[in-house]
Amino acid sequence: MNAADSSVTNWLRKLEAGDDDAAQKLWDVFFERLVRLVRQRLGTTPQQAADAEDVALSAFASFVRGVDQRQFANLAGRHELWRLLISIAIHKLLHLRRDQNALKRGGGFKAVEPHDGHAAINDLISREPTPDFAAQVAEQYGQWMRSLDSDELRQLTEWKLAGFTNEEIAVKTGRTTRTIERKLHLIRSILELELNRSDDE
């Protein structure tokens, strides 16, 4: 477990014990990532940006309430928390869009379509995976992260799920875009192997 993972796990335990400062620490780590995730689906107009922040805020508040009510017994660390926040945010986003469409028929909301495992992997390696995709793979996320054998590959996967482009990841890591693309293809190969192994069982 690296230092960042350890910090998140410690803050989770403190939050469960009623430490409000721990909630602020987790907010600082995850809130902007949630906003980015939701904004990809909503768009970038001022109203849509405000809606994205409202959805992320509501999702985080629901998470804190859930911890207070002991609803998340299996929440062990950073990866499980991010998967949970994705799921809560997407759930709230779908309700927001449903309510908006009730007011404006034909609003163009695209329902979440189910992914099979291979399609989900392809979406992960694509340039801009969507929040809809992130919600669909939430159940597979923990298994996939465990199958990746290095912190670097797990971090790349997290950034892709958070909506960063290959170019943005290259800047964050100080590597070339081509290097990032090669590593994403390695991730694809590992996940495909894991998926095929699961299909054979």
N, C-alpha and C. Protein backbone atom coordinates (compact mmCIF):
# COMPACT_ATOMS: atom_id res chain seq x y z
N MET A 1 0.86 -1.20 0.00
CA MET A 1 0.00 0.00 0.00
C MET A 1 0.89 1.24 0.00
N ASN A 2 0.67 2.16 -0.97
CA ASN A 2 1.49 3.36 -1.00
C ASN A 2 0.96 4.40 -0.01
N ALA A 3 1.70 5.52 0.12
CA ALA A 3 1.36 6.51 1.13
C ALA A 3 -0.01 7.12 0.91
N ALA A 4 -0.36 7.37 -0.37
CA ALA A 4 -1.67 7.97 -0.67
C ALA A 4 -2.79 7.02 -0.27
N ASP A 5 -2.63 5.73 -0.62
CA ASP A 5 -3.65 4.75 -0.26
C ASP A 5 -3.79 4.65 1.26
N SER A 6 -2.65 4.66 1.95
CA SER A 6 -2.66 4.56 3.40
C SER A 6 -3.37 5.76 4.03
N SER A 7 -3.13 6.96 3.49
CA SER A 7 -3.79 8.15 4.03
C SER A 7 -5.29 8.06 3.87
N VAL A 8 -5.76 7.65 2.68
CA VAL A 8 -7.20 7.53 2.45
C VAL A 8 -7.81 6.51 3.40
N THR A 9 -7.14 5.38 3.58
CA THR A 9 -7.65 4.35 4.49
C THR A 9 -7.74 4.89 5.92
N ASN A 10 -6.72 5.62 6.35
CA ASN A 10 -6.73 6.20 7.70
C ASN A 10 -7.86 7.21 7.85
N TRP A 11 -8.07 8.04 6.82
CA TRP A 11 -9.16 9.02 6.90
C TRP A 11 -10.51 8.33 6.94
N LEU A 12 -10.65 7.24 6.20
CA LEU A 12 -11.91 6.48 6.25
C LEU A 12 -12.18 5.98 7.66
N ARG A 13 -11.17 5.42 8.29
CA ARG A 13 -11.36 4.90 9.64
C ARG A 13 -11.72 6.04 10.60
N LYS A 14 -11.09 7.20 10.43
CA LYS A 14 -11.39 8.34 11.30
C LYS A 14 -12.81 8.86 11.05
N LEU A 15 -13.21 8.87 9.76
CA LEU A 15 -14.57 9.30 9.45
C LEU A 15 -15.58 8.38 10.10
N GLU A 16 -15.32 7.09 10.05
CA GLU A 16 -16.22 6.12 10.69
C GLU A 16 -16.32 6.35 12.19
N ALA A 17 -15.25 6.93 12.76
CA ALA A 17 -15.24 7.23 14.19
C ALA A 17 -15.85 8.60 14.50
N GLY A 18 -16.33 9.31 13.47
CA GLY A 18 -16.99 10.58 13.68
C GLY A 18 -16.11 11.81 13.55
N ASP A 19 -14.94 11.67 12.95
CA ASP A 19 -14.00 12.78 12.79
C ASP A 19 -14.38 13.60 11.54
N ASP A 20 -14.91 14.82 11.75
CA ASP A 20 -15.32 15.66 10.64
C ASP A 20 -14.13 16.13 9.80
N ASP A 21 -12.96 16.29 10.42
CA ASP A 21 -11.78 16.70 9.67
C ASP A 21 -11.42 15.66 8.60
N ALA A 22 -11.68 14.40 8.89
CA ALA A 22 -11.39 13.34 7.92
C ALA A 22 -12.28 13.49 6.70
N ALA A 23 -13.52 13.91 6.89
CA ALA A 23 -14.41 14.14 5.75
C ALA A 23 -13.86 15.23 4.85
N GLN A 24 -13.30 16.28 5.45
CA GLN A 24 -12.70 17.36 4.66
C GLN A 24 -11.50 16.86 3.87
N LYS A 25 -10.68 16.01 4.47
CA LYS A 25 -9.52 15.46 3.78
C LYS A 25 -9.95 14.64 2.57
N LEU A 26 -10.96 13.80 2.74
CA LEU A 26 -11.46 12.99 1.64
C LEU A 26 -12.09 13.85 0.56
N TRP A 27 -12.79 14.90 0.98
CA TRP A 27 -13.35 15.87 0.03
C TRP A 27 -12.24 16.46 -0.84
N ASP A 28 -11.15 16.87 -0.21
CA ASP A 28 -10.05 17.49 -0.94
C ASP A 28 -9.47 16.53 -2.00
N VAL A 29 -9.48 15.25 -1.71
CA VAL A 29 -8.91 14.26 -2.64
C VAL A 29 -9.86 13.95 -3.79
N PHE A 30 -11.16 13.81 -3.49
CA PHE A 30 -12.07 13.21 -4.46
C PHE A 30 -13.07 14.15 -5.11
N PHE A 31 -13.33 15.31 -4.52
CA PHE A 31 -14.45 16.12 -5.01
C PHE A 31 -14.24 16.58 -6.44
N GLU A 32 -13.09 17.16 -6.75
CA GLU A 32 -12.87 17.67 -8.11
C GLU A 32 -12.91 16.53 -9.14
N ARG A 33 -12.46 15.34 -8.75
CA ARG A 33 -12.54 14.20 -9.66
C ARG A 33 -13.99 13.85 -9.95
N LEU A 34 -14.83 13.93 -8.92
CA LEU A 34 -16.26 13.65 -9.13
C LEU A 34 -16.89 14.69 -10.04
N VAL A 35 -16.55 15.96 -9.83
CA VAL A 35 -17.09 17.02 -10.67
C VAL A 35 -16.70 16.78 -12.13
N ARG A 36 -15.44 16.45 -12.37
CA ARG A 36 -14.97 16.19 -13.73
C ARG A 36 -15.75 15.03 -14.35
N LEU A 37 -15.96 13.99 -13.58
CA LEU A 37 -16.68 12.82 -14.08
C LEU A 37 -18.09 13.18 -14.52
N VAL A 38 -18.80 13.92 -13.67
CA VAL A 38 -20.19 14.28 -13.98
C VAL A 38 -20.25 15.30 -15.11
N ARG A 39 -19.31 16.24 -15.12
CA ARG A 39 -19.32 17.29 -16.14
C ARG A 39 -19.15 16.71 -17.54
N GLN A 40 -18.41 15.62 -17.67
CA GLN A 40 -18.26 14.98 -18.98
C GLN A 40 -19.61 14.62 -19.57
N ARG A 41 -20.53 14.19 -18.72
CA ARG A 41 -21.84 13.76 -19.21
C ARG A 41 -22.80 14.92 -19.40
N LEU A 42 -22.66 15.95 -18.56
CA LEU A 42 -23.62 17.05 -18.61
C LEU A 42 -23.23 18.12 -19.63
N GLY A 43 -21.94 18.41 -19.77
CA GLY A 43 -21.51 19.48 -20.65
C GLY A 43 -20.83 20.59 -19.86
N THR A 44 -20.51 21.68 -20.54
CA THR A 44 -19.67 22.71 -19.93
C THR A 44 -20.29 24.11 -19.92
N THR A 45 -21.59 24.24 -20.19
CA THR A 45 -22.21 25.54 -20.05
C THR A 45 -22.24 25.92 -18.58
N PRO A 46 -22.39 27.20 -18.24
CA PRO A 46 -22.41 27.59 -16.83
C PRO A 46 -23.45 26.83 -16.00
N GLN A 47 -24.66 26.63 -16.57
CA GLN A 47 -25.68 25.90 -15.82
C GLN A 47 -25.29 24.45 -15.64
N GLN A 48 -24.74 23.84 -16.70
CA GLN A 48 -24.34 22.43 -16.60
C GLN A 48 -23.19 22.26 -15.62
N ALA A 49 -22.27 23.21 -15.62
CA ALA A 49 -21.15 23.14 -14.67
C ALA A 49 -21.66 23.23 -13.24
N ALA A 50 -22.65 24.10 -13.01
CA ALA A 50 -23.24 24.22 -11.68
C ALA A 50 -23.95 22.93 -11.30
N ASP A 51 -24.67 22.32 -12.26
CA ASP A 51 -25.34 21.06 -12.00
C ASP A 51 -24.34 19.96 -11.65
N ALA A 52 -23.21 19.95 -12.35
CA ALA A 52 -22.19 18.93 -12.10
C ALA A 52 -21.66 19.06 -10.66
N GLU A 53 -21.41 20.28 -10.22
CA GLU A 53 -20.94 20.48 -8.86
C GLU A 53 -22.01 20.07 -7.85
N ASP A 54 -23.28 20.36 -8.16
CA ASP A 54 -24.36 19.97 -7.26
C ASP A 54 -24.46 18.45 -7.14
N VAL A 55 -24.32 17.75 -8.26
CA VAL A 55 -24.39 16.28 -8.24
C VAL A 55 -23.23 15.72 -7.42
N ALA A 56 -22.03 16.25 -7.66
CA ALA A 56 -20.85 15.76 -6.92
C ALA A 56 -20.99 16.04 -5.42
N LEU A 57 -21.49 17.24 -5.09
CA LEU A 57 -21.69 17.60 -3.68
C LEU A 57 -22.71 16.68 -3.03
N SER A 58 -23.81 16.42 -3.73
CA SER A 58 -24.85 15.54 -3.21
C SER A 58 -24.33 14.12 -3.03
N ALA A 59 -23.52 13.66 -4.00
CA ALA A 59 -22.96 12.31 -3.91
C ALA A 59 -22.04 12.19 -2.70
N PHE A 60 -21.20 13.19 -2.50
CA PHE A 60 -20.27 13.13 -1.38
C PHE A 60 -21.02 13.20 -0.05
N ALA A 61 -22.06 14.04 0.01
CA ALA A 61 -22.86 14.14 1.23
C ALA A 61 -23.55 12.80 1.54
N SER A 62 -24.04 12.12 0.49
CA SER A 62 -24.67 10.82 0.68
C SER A 62 -23.67 9.80 1.19
N PHE A 63 -22.45 9.87 0.67
CA PHE A 63 -21.40 8.98 1.15
C PHE A 63 -21.13 9.19 2.63
N VAL A 64 -20.99 10.45 3.06
CA VAL A 64 -20.71 10.74 4.46
C VAL A 64 -21.84 10.26 5.35
N ARG A 65 -23.09 10.49 4.91
CA ARG A 65 -24.24 10.00 5.68
C ARG A 65 -24.22 8.48 5.77
N GLY A 66 -23.88 7.85 4.65
CA GLY A 66 -23.83 6.39 4.64
C GLY A 66 -22.79 5.85 5.60
N VAL A 67 -21.64 6.49 5.67
CA VAL A 67 -20.60 6.08 6.62
C VAL A 67 -21.11 6.24 8.05
N ASP A 68 -21.77 7.36 8.31
CA ASP A 68 -22.30 7.62 9.64
C ASP A 68 -23.32 6.56 10.05
N GLN A 69 -24.07 6.05 9.06
CA GLN A 69 -25.09 5.05 9.33
C GLN A 69 -24.59 3.61 9.17
N ARG A 70 -23.26 3.47 9.01
CA ARG A 70 -22.62 2.15 8.92
C ARG A 70 -23.15 1.34 7.74
N GLN A 71 -23.35 1.99 6.60
CA GLN A 71 -23.88 1.31 5.42
C GLN A 71 -22.80 0.66 4.57
N PHE A 72 -21.55 1.04 4.77
CA PHE A 72 -20.49 0.59 3.87
C PHE A 72 -19.44 -0.23 4.63
N ALA A 73 -19.84 -1.43 5.00
CA ALA A 73 -18.98 -2.27 5.84
C ALA A 73 -17.71 -2.72 5.12
N ASN A 74 -17.76 -2.83 3.79
CA ASN A 74 -16.63 -3.35 3.03
C ASN A 74 -15.75 -2.27 2.40
N LEU A 75 -15.87 -1.07 2.90
CA LEU A 75 -15.11 0.06 2.34
C LEU A 75 -13.71 0.05 2.94
N ALA A 76 -12.74 -0.52 2.19
CA ALA A 76 -11.42 -0.79 2.76
C ALA A 76 -10.38 0.27 2.43
N GLY A 77 -10.52 0.98 1.30
CA GLY A 77 -9.48 1.93 0.93
C GLY A 77 -9.83 2.75 -0.27
N ARG A 78 -8.81 3.36 -0.89
CA ARG A 78 -8.98 4.32 -1.98
C ARG A 78 -9.79 3.75 -3.14
N HIS A 79 -9.45 2.56 -3.60
CA HIS A 79 -10.10 2.01 -4.79
C HIS A 79 -11.58 1.74 -4.53
N GLU A 80 -11.88 1.14 -3.39
CA GLU A 80 -13.28 0.86 -3.06
C GLU A 80 -14.07 2.15 -2.88
N LEU A 81 -13.43 3.16 -2.28
CA LEU A 81 -14.12 4.44 -2.08
C LEU A 81 -14.42 5.11 -3.42
N TRP A 82 -13.45 5.14 -4.33
CA TRP A 82 -13.68 5.77 -5.63
C TRP A 82 -14.79 5.05 -6.39
N ARG A 83 -14.80 3.73 -6.34
CA ARG A 83 -15.86 2.97 -7.00
C ARG A 83 -17.22 3.33 -6.41
N LEU A 84 -17.29 3.44 -5.09
CA LEU A 84 -18.54 3.80 -4.43
C LEU A 84 -18.98 5.21 -4.82
N LEU A 85 -18.08 6.18 -4.81
CA LEU A 85 -18.43 7.55 -5.17
C LEU A 85 -18.90 7.64 -6.62
N ILE A 86 -18.26 6.89 -7.53
CA ILE A 86 -18.72 6.84 -8.91
C ILE A 86 -20.17 6.36 -8.96
N SER A 87 -20.45 5.27 -8.27
CA SER A 87 -21.79 4.69 -8.32
C SER A 87 -22.84 5.65 -7.78
N ILE A 88 -22.53 6.30 -6.65
CA ILE A 88 -23.48 7.26 -6.07
C ILE A 88 -23.70 8.44 -7.01
N ALA A 89 -22.60 8.97 -7.57
CA ALA A 89 -22.71 10.14 -8.45
C ALA A 89 -23.51 9.81 -9.70
N ILE A 90 -23.26 8.65 -10.30
CA ILE A 90 -24.01 8.28 -11.50
C ILE A 90 -25.48 8.09 -11.19
N HIS A 91 -25.78 7.49 -10.05
CA HIS A 91 -27.17 7.33 -9.64
C HIS A 91 -27.87 8.68 -9.54
N LYS A 92 -27.20 9.65 -8.93
CA LYS A 92 -27.80 10.98 -8.79
C LYS A 92 -27.87 11.70 -10.13
N LEU A 93 -26.89 11.49 -10.99
CA LEU A 93 -26.91 12.08 -12.32
C LEU A 93 -28.10 11.57 -13.12
N LEU A 94 -28.35 10.28 -13.06
CA LEU A 94 -29.48 9.71 -13.79
C LEU A 94 -30.80 10.29 -13.30
N HIS A 95 -30.91 10.48 -11.97
CA HIS A 95 -32.13 11.09 -11.44
C HIS A 95 -32.27 12.54 -11.89
N LEU A 96 -31.16 13.27 -11.92
CA LEU A 96 -31.19 14.66 -12.38
C LEU A 96 -31.68 14.73 -13.82
N ARG A 97 -31.11 13.89 -14.68
CA ARG A 97 -31.48 13.92 -16.09
C ARG A 97 -32.92 13.45 -16.28
N ARG A 98 -33.35 12.50 -15.50
CA ARG A 98 -34.74 12.05 -15.58
C ARG A 98 -35.68 13.20 -15.24
N ASP A 99 -35.34 13.93 -14.18
CA ASP A 99 -36.19 15.06 -13.77
C ASP A 99 -36.17 16.17 -14.83
N GLN A 100 -35.01 16.43 -15.41
CA GLN A 100 -34.92 17.44 -16.46
C GLN A 100 -35.74 17.04 -17.68
N ASN A 101 -35.70 15.78 -18.02
CA ASN A 101 -36.45 15.32 -19.19
C ASN A 101 -37.94 15.32 -18.95
N ALA A 102 -38.34 15.19 -17.68
CA ALA A 102 -39.76 15.25 -17.37
C ALA A 102 -40.30 16.65 -17.64
N LEU A 103 -39.42 17.65 -17.48
CA LEU A 103 -39.81 19.03 -17.74
C LEU A 103 -39.69 19.39 -19.22
N LYS A 104 -38.78 18.72 -19.89
CA LYS A 104 -38.54 19.04 -21.30
C LYS A 104 -38.47 17.75 -22.09
N ARG A 105 -39.55 17.37 -22.70
CA ARG A 105 -39.61 16.13 -23.45
C ARG A 105 -38.62 16.16 -24.60
N GLY A 106 -38.04 14.98 -24.89
CA GLY A 106 -37.09 14.90 -25.98
C GLY A 106 -35.78 15.58 -25.68
N GLY A 107 -35.37 15.55 -24.41
CA GLY A 107 -34.15 16.24 -24.02
C GLY A 107 -32.88 15.57 -24.47
N GLY A 108 -33.00 14.39 -25.05
CA GLY A 108 -31.82 13.76 -25.62
C GLY A 108 -30.98 12.98 -24.64
N PHE A 109 -31.53 12.67 -23.45
CA PHE A 109 -30.76 11.88 -22.51
C PHE A 109 -30.60 10.47 -23.03
N LYS A 110 -29.40 10.00 -23.00
CA LYS A 110 -29.10 8.65 -23.47
C LYS A 110 -29.00 7.71 -22.28
N ALA A 111 -29.86 6.74 -22.22
CA ALA A 111 -29.85 5.81 -21.10
C ALA A 111 -28.57 4.99 -21.09
N VAL A 112 -28.22 4.52 -19.90
CA VAL A 112 -27.04 3.69 -19.78
C VAL A 112 -27.29 2.34 -20.43
N GLU A 113 -26.44 1.98 -21.35
CA GLU A 113 -26.54 0.69 -22.01
C GLU A 113 -25.59 -0.30 -21.34
N PRO A 114 -25.99 -1.56 -21.18
CA PRO A 114 -25.10 -2.53 -20.56
C PRO A 114 -23.89 -2.80 -21.41
N HIS A 115 -22.75 -3.03 -20.75
CA HIS A 115 -21.51 -3.39 -21.42
C HIS A 115 -21.20 -4.84 -21.12
N ASP A 116 -20.72 -5.58 -22.11
CA ASP A 116 -20.10 -6.83 -21.76
C ASP A 116 -18.65 -6.53 -21.38
N GLY A 117 -17.97 -7.52 -20.82
CA GLY A 117 -16.64 -7.28 -20.29
C GLY A 117 -15.66 -6.77 -21.32
N HIS A 118 -15.66 -7.36 -22.52
CA HIS A 118 -14.70 -6.96 -23.55
C HIS A 118 -14.97 -5.54 -24.04
N ALA A 119 -16.24 -5.19 -24.18
CA ALA A 119 -16.58 -3.83 -24.61
C ALA A 119 -16.17 -2.82 -23.55
N ALA A 120 -16.33 -3.20 -22.28
CA ALA A 120 -15.95 -2.30 -21.19
C ALA A 120 -14.45 -2.03 -21.20
N ILE A 121 -13.66 -3.08 -21.47
CA ILE A 121 -12.21 -2.89 -21.54
C ILE A 121 -11.85 -1.95 -22.69
N ASN A 122 -12.50 -2.13 -23.83
CA ASN A 122 -12.24 -1.24 -24.96
C ASN A 122 -12.59 0.20 -24.61
N ASP A 123 -13.68 0.40 -23.89
CA ASP A 123 -14.07 1.74 -23.47
C ASP A 123 -13.03 2.34 -22.53
N LEU A 124 -12.48 1.51 -21.66
CA LEU A 124 -11.48 2.00 -20.72
C LEU A 124 -10.27 2.54 -21.45
N ILE A 125 -9.84 1.87 -22.52
CA ILE A 125 -8.65 2.27 -23.24
C ILE A 125 -8.95 3.41 -24.21
N SER A 126 -10.22 3.70 -24.45
CA SER A 126 -10.58 4.78 -25.37
C SER A 126 -10.13 6.11 -24.80
N ARG A 127 -10.14 7.15 -25.61
CA ARG A 127 -9.59 8.44 -25.21
C ARG A 127 -10.36 9.08 -24.07
N GLU A 128 -11.70 8.96 -24.06
CA GLU A 128 -12.48 9.65 -23.05
C GLU A 128 -13.60 8.75 -22.57
N PRO A 129 -13.30 7.79 -21.66
CA PRO A 129 -14.36 6.94 -21.13
C PRO A 129 -15.40 7.78 -20.40
N THR A 130 -16.65 7.42 -20.53
CA THR A 130 -17.73 8.24 -20.00
C THR A 130 -18.14 7.81 -18.60
N PRO A 131 -18.81 8.68 -17.85
CA PRO A 131 -19.35 8.28 -16.56
C PRO A 131 -20.31 7.10 -16.68
N ASP A 132 -21.07 7.03 -17.80
CA ASP A 132 -21.96 5.88 -17.99
C ASP A 132 -21.17 4.59 -17.96
N PHE A 133 -20.03 4.58 -18.66
CA PHE A 133 -19.17 3.41 -18.65
C PHE A 133 -18.66 3.12 -17.24
N ALA A 134 -18.25 4.16 -16.53
CA ALA A 134 -17.72 3.96 -15.19
C ALA A 134 -18.75 3.30 -14.29
N ALA A 135 -20.01 3.69 -14.43
CA ALA A 135 -21.05 3.06 -13.63
C ALA A 135 -21.22 1.59 -13.98
N GLN A 136 -21.13 1.28 -15.26
CA GLN A 136 -21.32 -0.09 -15.70
C GLN A 136 -20.22 -1.02 -15.20
N VAL A 137 -19.00 -0.52 -15.10
CA VAL A 137 -17.89 -1.39 -14.70
C VAL A 137 -17.63 -1.32 -13.20
N ALA A 138 -18.48 -0.64 -12.44
CA ALA A 138 -18.23 -0.50 -11.01
C ALA A 138 -18.07 -1.86 -10.32
N GLU A 139 -18.90 -2.82 -10.73
CA GLU A 139 -18.82 -4.13 -10.11
C GLU A 139 -17.52 -4.83 -10.45
N GLN A 140 -16.98 -4.57 -11.63
CA GLN A 140 -15.75 -5.24 -12.05
C GLN A 140 -14.50 -4.50 -11.59
N TYR A 141 -14.67 -3.28 -11.13
CA TYR A 141 -13.53 -2.40 -10.89
C TYR A 141 -12.54 -2.99 -9.89
N GLY A 142 -13.03 -3.46 -8.75
CA GLY A 142 -12.13 -4.00 -7.75
C GLY A 142 -11.34 -5.19 -8.25
N GLN A 143 -12.01 -6.08 -8.96
CA GLN A 143 -11.33 -7.26 -9.50
C GLN A 143 -10.27 -6.84 -10.52
N TRP A 144 -10.60 -5.89 -11.37
CA TRP A 144 -9.65 -5.43 -12.38
C TRP A 144 -8.42 -4.80 -11.74
N MET A 145 -8.64 -3.96 -10.74
CA MET A 145 -7.51 -3.29 -10.12
C MET A 145 -6.58 -4.29 -9.44
N ARG A 146 -7.15 -5.33 -8.87
CA ARG A 146 -6.32 -6.35 -8.23
C ARG A 146 -5.51 -7.14 -9.25
N SER A 147 -6.02 -7.23 -10.48
CA SER A 147 -5.31 -8.01 -11.49
C SER A 147 -4.11 -7.26 -12.08
N LEU A 148 -4.07 -5.95 -11.92
CA LEU A 148 -2.94 -5.15 -12.41
C LEU A 148 -1.80 -5.25 -11.41
N ASP A 149 -0.61 -5.52 -11.89
CA ASP A 149 0.49 -5.91 -10.99
C ASP A 149 1.42 -4.77 -10.62
N SER A 150 1.03 -3.53 -10.85
CA SER A 150 1.89 -2.41 -10.43
C SER A 150 1.03 -1.20 -10.08
N ASP A 151 1.57 -0.38 -9.16
CA ASP A 151 0.86 0.84 -8.78
C ASP A 151 0.71 1.78 -9.97
N GLU A 152 1.71 1.78 -10.86
CA GLU A 152 1.67 2.67 -12.02
C GLU A 152 0.48 2.32 -12.92
N LEU A 153 0.27 1.04 -13.19
CA LEU A 153 -0.85 0.64 -14.05
C LEU A 153 -2.18 0.92 -13.37
N ARG A 154 -2.24 0.70 -12.07
CA ARG A 154 -3.48 1.00 -11.36
C ARG A 154 -3.78 2.50 -11.39
N GLN A 155 -2.73 3.34 -11.26
CA GLN A 155 -2.92 4.79 -11.31
C GLN A 155 -3.40 5.23 -12.68
N LEU A 156 -2.82 4.67 -13.74
CA LEU A 156 -3.28 4.99 -15.10
C LEU A 156 -4.74 4.64 -15.28
N THR A 157 -5.13 3.49 -14.77
CA THR A 157 -6.52 3.06 -14.88
C THR A 157 -7.44 4.02 -14.14
N GLU A 158 -7.04 4.43 -12.95
CA GLU A 158 -7.84 5.39 -12.18
C GLU A 158 -8.00 6.70 -12.95
N TRP A 159 -6.91 7.19 -13.54
CA TRP A 159 -6.99 8.45 -14.28
C TRP A 159 -7.92 8.33 -15.49
N LYS A 160 -7.88 7.18 -16.18
CA LYS A 160 -8.77 6.99 -17.32
C LYS A 160 -10.23 6.98 -16.84
N LEU A 161 -10.50 6.30 -15.76
CA LEU A 161 -11.85 6.27 -15.23
C LEU A 161 -12.30 7.65 -14.76
N ALA A 162 -11.35 8.46 -14.31
CA ALA A 162 -11.68 9.83 -13.88
C ALA A 162 -11.87 10.77 -15.05
N GLY A 163 -11.61 10.28 -16.28
CA GLY A 163 -11.89 11.07 -17.46
C GLY A 163 -10.73 11.81 -18.06
N PHE A 164 -9.52 11.59 -17.57
CA PHE A 164 -8.36 12.27 -18.14
C PHE A 164 -8.03 11.68 -19.52
N THR A 165 -7.65 12.54 -20.45
CA THR A 165 -7.23 12.08 -21.77
C THR A 165 -5.80 11.55 -21.69
N ASN A 166 -5.40 10.84 -22.74
CA ASN A 166 -4.02 10.33 -22.79
C ASN A 166 -3.02 11.48 -22.72
N GLU A 167 -3.33 12.58 -23.39
CA GLU A 167 -2.44 13.73 -23.38
C GLU A 167 -2.30 14.31 -21.97
N GLU A 168 -3.41 14.41 -21.25
CA GLU A 168 -3.36 14.94 -19.88
C GLU A 168 -2.57 14.01 -18.97
N ILE A 169 -2.73 12.71 -19.14
CA ILE A 169 -1.98 11.76 -18.32
C ILE A 169 -0.49 11.86 -18.63
N ALA A 170 -0.16 12.06 -19.91
CA ALA A 170 1.24 12.21 -20.29
C ALA A 170 1.87 13.40 -19.57
N VAL A 171 1.14 14.51 -19.49
CA VAL A 171 1.64 15.69 -18.79
C VAL A 171 1.81 15.39 -17.30
N LYS A 172 0.83 14.70 -16.70
CA LYS A 172 0.87 14.40 -15.27
C LYS A 172 2.07 13.52 -14.92
N THR A 173 2.44 12.62 -15.83
CA THR A 173 3.50 11.65 -15.54
C THR A 173 4.86 12.06 -16.11
N GLY A 174 4.89 13.10 -16.96
CA GLY A 174 6.13 13.49 -17.59
C GLY A 174 6.59 12.53 -18.67
N ARG A 175 5.65 11.78 -19.24
CA ARG A 175 5.97 10.82 -20.30
C ARG A 175 5.33 11.28 -21.61
N THR A 176 5.67 10.61 -22.69
CA THR A 176 5.06 10.95 -23.97
C THR A 176 3.69 10.31 -24.08
N THR A 177 2.85 10.89 -24.93
CA THR A 177 1.53 10.30 -25.17
C THR A 177 1.66 8.89 -25.70
N ARG A 178 2.64 8.66 -26.55
CA ARG A 178 2.84 7.32 -27.11
C ARG A 178 3.16 6.31 -26.01
N THR A 179 3.95 6.71 -25.02
CA THR A 179 4.26 5.82 -23.91
C THR A 179 3.00 5.48 -23.13
N ILE A 180 2.16 6.49 -22.89
CA ILE A 180 0.91 6.25 -22.18
C ILE A 180 0.03 5.29 -22.98
N GLU A 181 -0.04 5.48 -24.29
CA GLU A 181 -0.84 4.59 -25.12
C GLU A 181 -0.34 3.15 -25.03
N ARG A 182 0.99 2.96 -25.01
CA ARG A 182 1.55 1.60 -24.90
C ARG A 182 1.17 0.97 -23.56
N LYS A 183 1.22 1.76 -22.50
CA LYS A 183 0.87 1.22 -21.19
C LYS A 183 -0.62 0.90 -21.11
N LEU A 184 -1.45 1.70 -21.76
CA LEU A 184 -2.88 1.40 -21.77
C LEU A 184 -3.16 0.12 -22.55
N HIS A 185 -2.40 -0.12 -23.60
CA HIS A 185 -2.56 -1.37 -24.33
C HIS A 185 -2.11 -2.56 -23.47
N LEU A 186 -1.08 -2.35 -22.64
CA LEU A 186 -0.67 -3.40 -21.70
C LEU A 186 -1.79 -3.68 -20.71
N ILE A 187 -2.41 -2.61 -20.21
CA ILE A 187 -3.55 -2.78 -19.31
C ILE A 187 -4.66 -3.57 -19.99
N ARG A 188 -4.94 -3.23 -21.25
CA ARG A 188 -5.97 -3.95 -21.99
C ARG A 188 -5.64 -5.45 -22.05
N SER A 189 -4.37 -5.78 -22.33
CA SER A 189 -3.97 -7.18 -22.45
C SER A 189 -4.15 -7.92 -21.12
N ILE A 190 -3.78 -7.26 -20.03
CA ILE A 190 -3.91 -7.89 -18.71
C ILE A 190 -5.37 -8.11 -18.37
N LEU A 191 -6.20 -7.10 -18.63
CA LEU A 191 -7.62 -7.23 -18.29
C LEU A 191 -8.33 -8.24 -19.18
N GLU A 192 -7.94 -8.29 -20.45
CA GLU A 192 -8.52 -9.31 -21.34
C GLU A 192 -8.17 -10.71 -20.86
N LEU A 193 -6.93 -10.90 -20.44
CA LEU A 193 -6.51 -12.19 -19.92
C LEU A 193 -7.30 -12.55 -18.68
N GLU A 194 -7.49 -11.58 -17.78
CA GLU A 194 -8.27 -11.81 -16.58
C GLU A 194 -9.72 -12.14 -16.92
N LEU A 195 -10.28 -11.43 -17.89
CA LEU A 195 -11.66 -11.67 -18.27
C LEU A 195 -11.82 -13.05 -18.89
N ASN A 196 -10.89 -13.44 -19.77
CA ASN A 196 -10.95 -14.77 -20.40
C ASN A 196 -10.81 -15.88 -19.36
N ARG A 197 -9.97 -15.63 -18.36
CA ARG A 197 -9.80 -16.62 -17.29
C ARG A 197 -11.12 -16.79 -16.53
N SER A 198 -11.79 -15.65 -16.27
CA SER A 198 -13.07 -15.72 -15.56
C SER A 198 -14.12 -16.45 -16.37
N ASP A 199 -14.11 -16.23 -17.70
CA ASP A 199 -15.09 -16.90 -18.56
C ASP A 199 -14.88 -18.40 -18.58
N ASP A 200 -13.62 -18.83 -18.40
CA ASP A 200 -13.31 -20.27 -18.46
C ASP A 200 -13.66 -20.99 -17.16
N GLU A 201 -13.84 -20.23 -16.09
CA GLU A 201 -14.11 -20.87 -14.80
C GLU A 201 -15.56 -21.32 -14.68
